[in-house]
Amino acid sequence: MKQFKFTSILAITLLFLTSCKDKETSQNLSTNETISKIEVIDFHSTHRCMTCNAIEANTKFTLDTYFKKDLKDGNITFQVINVDEKENEKLAEKFQASGTALFLNVIKDGKERHIDLTEFAFMEGNDQDVFSKQLKDKIENELKTL
């Protein structure tokens, strides 16, 4: 009898959790399922080092040089976000950015996939040629998936 009660409670709980989860997912898909783009997000703090400034400048250079049409058409967006400003707190939390960080937020059919390029950005940030070539390749590969 105890086994039957436990099994029944477990089945009802799982049914409830599953039905709530499906509803939430379908609501998200119905509002955003037509969105497909790449957001390039450069997070930084108020006080920035030379490399942090170079990451922003070289990202902007790469986008303006190789992706001008995609920027104009809205297939790619570029945001520079100060994590120290109160209005940016939720976005910084979403990406777990507490200082300088570079992300590609690939949105396909409304579903987001975050690609953390921070390590790459710090390693190559001061070499515009290497940084630009590698960032261009990463973005082109992601554009193919949209």
C-alpha atoms as a PDB file:
ATOM      1  CA  MET A   1       0.000   0.000   0.000  1.00  0.00           C
ATOM      2  CA  LYS A   2       2.851   2.406   0.855  1.00  0.00           C
ATOM      3  CA  GLN A   3       4.478   1.582  -2.486  1.00  0.00           C
ATOM      4  CA  PHE A   4       1.239   2.432  -4.324  1.00  0.00           C
ATOM      5  CA  LYS A   5       0.885   5.807  -2.542  1.00  0.00           C
ATOM      6  CA  PHE A   6       4.509   6.696  -3.267  1.00  0.00           C
ATOM      7  CA  THR A   7       4.184   5.720  -6.939  1.00  0.00           C
ATOM      8  CA  SER A   8       0.942   7.673  -7.292  1.00  0.00           C
ATOM      9  CA  ILE A   9       2.402  10.821  -5.715  1.00  0.00           C
ATOM     10  CA  LEU A  10       5.508  10.542  -7.872  1.00  0.00           C
ATOM     11  CA  ALA A  11       3.441  10.099 -11.058  1.00  0.00           C
ATOM     12  CA  ILE A  12       1.227  13.099 -10.257  1.00  0.00           C
ATOM     13  CA  THR A  13       4.252  15.272  -9.444  1.00  0.00           C
ATOM     14  CA  LEU A  14       6.011  14.322 -12.674  1.00  0.00           C
ATOM     15  CA  LEU A  15       2.843  14.931 -14.688  1.00  0.00           C
ATOM     16  CA  PHE A  16       2.446  18.375 -13.118  1.00  0.00           C
ATOM     17  CA  LEU A  17       6.091  19.347 -13.696  1.00  0.00           C
ATOM     18  CA  THR A  18       6.058  18.111 -17.274  1.00  0.00           C
ATOM     19  CA  SER A  19       2.862  19.935 -18.200  1.00  0.00           C
ATOM     20  CA  CYS A  20       4.114  23.232 -16.706  1.00  0.00           C
ATOM     21  CA  LYS A  21       7.431  22.927 -18.467  1.00  0.00           C
ATOM     22  CA  ASP A  22       5.820  22.349 -21.869  1.00  0.00           C
ATOM     23  CA  LYS A  23       3.566  25.372 -21.476  1.00  0.00           C
ATOM     24  CA  GLU A  24       6.475  27.647 -20.630  1.00  0.00           C
ATOM     25  CA  THR A  25       8.537  26.369 -23.564  1.00  0.00           C
ATOM     26  CA  SER A  26       5.777  26.769 -26.090  1.00  0.00           C
ATOM     27  CA  GLN A  27       5.108  30.319 -24.877  1.00  0.00           C
ATOM     28  CA  ASN A  28       8.754  31.204 -25.391  1.00  0.00           C
ATOM     29  CA  LEU A  29       8.825  29.657 -28.861  1.00  0.00           C
ATOM     30  CA  SER A  30       5.651  31.350 -30.026  1.00  0.00           C
ATOM     31  CA  THR A  31       6.960  34.821 -29.178  1.00  0.00           C
ATOM     32  CA  ASN A  32      10.503  34.468 -30.513  1.00  0.00           C
ATOM     33  CA  GLU A  33      10.548  31.628 -33.021  1.00  0.00           C
ATOM     34  CA  THR A  34      11.073  33.921 -36.020  1.00  0.00           C
ATOM     35  CA  ILE A  35      14.188  35.580 -34.602  1.00  0.00           C
ATOM     36  CA  SER A  36      17.531  34.411 -36.014  1.00  0.00           C
ATOM     37  CA  LYS A  37      20.589  36.635 -35.624  1.00  0.00           C
ATOM     38  CA  ILE A  38      23.932  37.013 -33.930  1.00  0.00           C
ATOM     39  CA  GLU A  39      24.435  39.481 -31.114  1.00  0.00           C
ATOM     40  CA  VAL A  40      28.054  40.425 -30.506  1.00  0.00           C
ATOM     41  CA  ILE A  41      28.272  41.642 -26.924  1.00  0.00           C
ATOM     42  CA  ASP A  42      31.350  43.330 -25.455  1.00  0.00           C
ATOM     43  CA  PHE A  43      31.075  43.630 -21.679  1.00  0.00           C
ATOM     44  CA  HIS A  44      33.413  45.875 -19.730  1.00  0.00           C
ATOM     45  CA  SER A  45      33.750  47.585 -16.366  1.00  0.00           C
ATOM     46  CA  THR A  46      34.068  51.328 -15.836  1.00  0.00           C
ATOM     47  CA  HIS A  47      37.847  51.206 -15.452  1.00  0.00           C
ATOM     48  CA  ARG A  48      39.387  49.590 -18.505  1.00  0.00           C
ATOM     49  CA  CYS A  49      42.888  48.462 -19.387  1.00  0.00           C
ATOM     50  CA  MET A  50      44.619  48.802 -22.743  1.00  0.00           C
ATOM     51  CA  THR A  51      43.623  45.267 -23.794  1.00  0.00           C
ATOM     52  CA  CYS A  52      39.984  45.847 -22.819  1.00  0.00           C
ATOM     53  CA  ASN A  53      39.872  48.937 -25.038  1.00  0.00           C
ATOM     54  CA  ALA A  54      41.612  47.041 -27.852  1.00  0.00           C
ATOM     55  CA  ILE A  55      39.015  44.235 -27.690  1.00  0.00           C
ATOM     56  CA  GLU A  56      36.219  46.741 -28.267  1.00  0.00           C
ATOM     57  CA  ALA A  57      38.082  48.596 -31.015  1.00  0.00           C
ATOM     58  CA  ASN A  58      39.095  45.414 -32.838  1.00  0.00           C
ATOM     59  CA  THR A  59      35.613  43.919 -32.576  1.00  0.00           C
ATOM     60  CA  LYS A  60      34.127  47.091 -34.036  1.00  0.00           C
ATOM     61  CA  PHE A  61      36.793  47.118 -36.765  1.00  0.00           C
ATOM     62  CA  THR A  62      36.027  43.491 -37.689  1.00  0.00           C
ATOM     63  CA  LEU A  63      32.281  44.052 -37.838  1.00  0.00           C
ATOM     64  CA  ASP A  64      32.583  47.288 -39.845  1.00  0.00           C
ATOM     65  CA  THR A  65      35.106  45.750 -42.231  1.00  0.00           C
ATOM     66  CA  TYR A  66      33.570  42.334 -42.930  1.00  0.00           C
ATOM     67  CA  PHE A  67      29.937  42.458 -41.798  1.00  0.00           C
ATOM     68  CA  LYS A  68      28.681  45.912 -42.760  1.00  0.00           C
ATOM     69  CA  LYS A  69      25.700  44.509 -44.706  1.00  0.00           C
ATOM     70  CA  ASP A  70      24.777  42.085 -41.912  1.00  0.00           C
ATOM     71  CA  LEU A  71      24.888  44.947 -39.404  1.00  0.00           C
ATOM     72  CA  LYS A  72      22.692  47.096 -41.633  1.00  0.00           C
ATOM     73  CA  ASP A  73      20.206  44.252 -42.214  1.00  0.00           C
ATOM     74  CA  GLY A  74      20.050  43.388 -38.486  1.00  0.00           C
ATOM     75  CA  ASN A  75      21.500  39.888 -38.936  1.00  0.00           C
ATOM     76  CA  ILE A  76      24.290  40.970 -36.580  1.00  0.00           C
ATOM     77  CA  THR A  77      24.111  43.488 -33.765  1.00  0.00           C
ATOM     78  CA  PHE A  78      26.928  44.922 -31.655  1.00  0.00           C
ATOM     79  CA  GLN A  79      26.486  46.052 -28.079  1.00  0.00           C
ATOM     80  CA  VAL A  80      29.026  47.509 -25.678  1.00  0.00           C
ATOM     81  CA  ILE A  81      27.798  46.990 -22.123  1.00  0.00           C
ATOM     82  CA  ASN A  82      29.237  48.518 -18.929  1.00  0.00           C
ATOM     83  CA  VAL A  83      28.626  45.874 -16.239  1.00  0.00           C
ATOM     84  CA  ASP A  84      28.970  48.503 -13.486  1.00  0.00           C
ATOM     85  CA  GLU A  85      25.831  50.359 -14.580  1.00  0.00           C
ATOM     86  CA  LYS A  86      22.662  49.365 -12.729  1.00  0.00           C
ATOM     87  CA  GLU A  87      20.548  49.079 -15.913  1.00  0.00           C
ATOM     88  CA  ASN A  88      22.943  46.418 -17.292  1.00  0.00           C
ATOM     89  CA  GLU A  89      22.885  44.203 -14.204  1.00  0.00           C
ATOM     90  CA  LYS A  90      20.418  41.581 -15.511  1.00  0.00           C
ATOM     91  CA  LEU A  91      22.155  41.233 -18.890  1.00  0.00           C
ATOM     92  CA  ALA A  92      25.551  40.857 -17.203  1.00  0.00           C
ATOM     93  CA  GLU A  93      24.090  38.202 -14.897  1.00  0.00           C
ATOM     94  CA  LYS A  94      22.573  36.352 -17.842  1.00  0.00           C
ATOM     95  CA  PHE A  95      26.036  36.002 -19.405  1.00  0.00           C
ATOM     96  CA  GLN A  96      27.862  35.768 -16.052  1.00  0.00           C
ATOM     97  CA  ALA A  97      30.000  38.758 -17.034  1.00  0.00           C
ATOM     98  CA  SER A  98      31.559  40.670 -14.160  1.00  0.00           C
ATOM     99  CA  GLY A  99      34.145  42.607 -16.141  1.00  0.00           C
ATOM    100  CA  THR A 100      35.552  42.466 -19.629  1.00  0.00           C
ATOM    101  CA  ALA A 101      34.019  39.620 -21.624  1.00  0.00           C
ATOM    102  CA  LEU A 102      33.219  39.031 -25.286  1.00  0.00           C
ATOM    103  CA  PHE A 103      30.246  36.894 -26.325  1.00  0.00           C
ATOM    104  CA  LEU A 104      28.438  35.803 -29.431  1.00  0.00           C
ATOM    105  CA  ASN A 105      24.784  35.282 -28.630  1.00  0.00           C
ATOM    106  CA  VAL A 106      23.593  33.128 -31.509  1.00  0.00           C
ATOM    107  CA  ILE A 107      19.813  33.240 -31.736  1.00  0.00           C
ATOM    108  CA  LYS A 108      18.273  30.667 -34.048  1.00  0.00           C
ATOM    109  CA  ASP A 109      14.506  30.340 -34.251  1.00  0.00           C
ATOM    110  CA  GLY A 110      14.278  32.238 -30.969  1.00  0.00           C
ATOM    111  CA  LYS A 111      16.631  29.921 -29.064  1.00  0.00           C
ATOM    112  CA  GLU A 112      19.801  31.470 -27.661  1.00  0.00           C
ATOM    113  CA  ARG A 113      23.240  29.892 -27.558  1.00  0.00           C
ATOM    114  CA  HIS A 114      26.012  31.811 -25.803  1.00  0.00           C
ATOM    115  CA  ILE A 115      29.565  31.470 -27.123  1.00  0.00           C
ATOM    116  CA  ASP A 116      32.153  32.849 -24.720  1.00  0.00           C
ATOM    117  CA  LEU A 117      35.065  34.374 -26.646  1.00  0.00           C
ATOM    118  CA  THR A 118      36.658  36.061 -23.623  1.00  0.00           C
ATOM    119  CA  GLU A 119      39.782  33.912 -23.472  1.00  0.00           C
ATOM    120  CA  PHE A 120      40.355  34.335 -27.215  1.00  0.00           C
ATOM    121  CA  ALA A 121      39.760  38.103 -26.906  1.00  0.00           C
ATOM    122  CA  PHE A 122      42.370  38.542 -24.184  1.00  0.00           C
ATOM    123  CA  MET A 123      44.905  36.321 -25.959  1.00  0.00           C
ATOM    124  CA  GLU A 124      44.618  38.109 -29.332  1.00  0.00           C
ATOM    125  CA  GLY A 125      43.049  41.455 -28.376  1.00  0.00           C
ATOM    126  CA  ASN A 126      46.166  43.547 -28.948  1.00  0.00           C
ATOM    127  CA  ASP A 127      46.916  42.119 -32.404  1.00  0.00           C
ATOM    128  CA  GLN A 128      44.301  43.572 -34.744  1.00  0.00           C
ATOM    129  CA  ASP A 129      45.186  41.338 -37.718  1.00  0.00           C
ATOM    130  CA  VAL A 130      45.042  38.038 -35.813  1.00  0.00           C
ATOM    131  CA  PHE A 131      42.036  39.089 -33.718  1.00  0.00           C
ATOM    132  CA  SER A 132      40.069  40.301 -36.728  1.00  0.00           C
ATOM    133  CA  LYS A 133      40.774  37.224 -38.855  1.00  0.00           C
ATOM    134  CA  GLN A 134      39.827  34.789 -36.112  1.00  0.00           C
ATOM    135  CA  LEU A 135      36.717  36.715 -35.034  1.00  0.00           C
ATOM    136  CA  LYS A 136      35.631  36.941 -38.684  1.00  0.00           C
ATOM    137  CA  ASP A 137      35.978  33.152 -39.028  1.00  0.00           C
ATOM    138  CA  LYS A 138      33.994  32.514 -35.835  1.00  0.00           C
ATOM    139  CA  ILE A 139      31.154  34.808 -36.911  1.00  0.00           C
ATOM    140  CA  GLU A 140      31.047  33.404 -40.458  1.00  0.00           C
ATOM    141  CA  ASN A 141      30.795  29.863 -39.070  1.00  0.00           C
ATOM    142  CA  GLU A 142      27.877  30.877 -36.863  1.00  0.00           C
ATOM    143  CA  LEU A 143      26.117  32.746 -39.690  1.00  0.00           C
ATOM    144  CA  LYS A 144      26.096  29.479 -41.653  1.00  0.00           C
ATOM    145  CA  THR A 145      24.051  27.858 -38.879  1.00  0.00           C
ATOM    146  CA  LEU A 146      21.219  30.412 -39.021  1.00  0.00           C
END
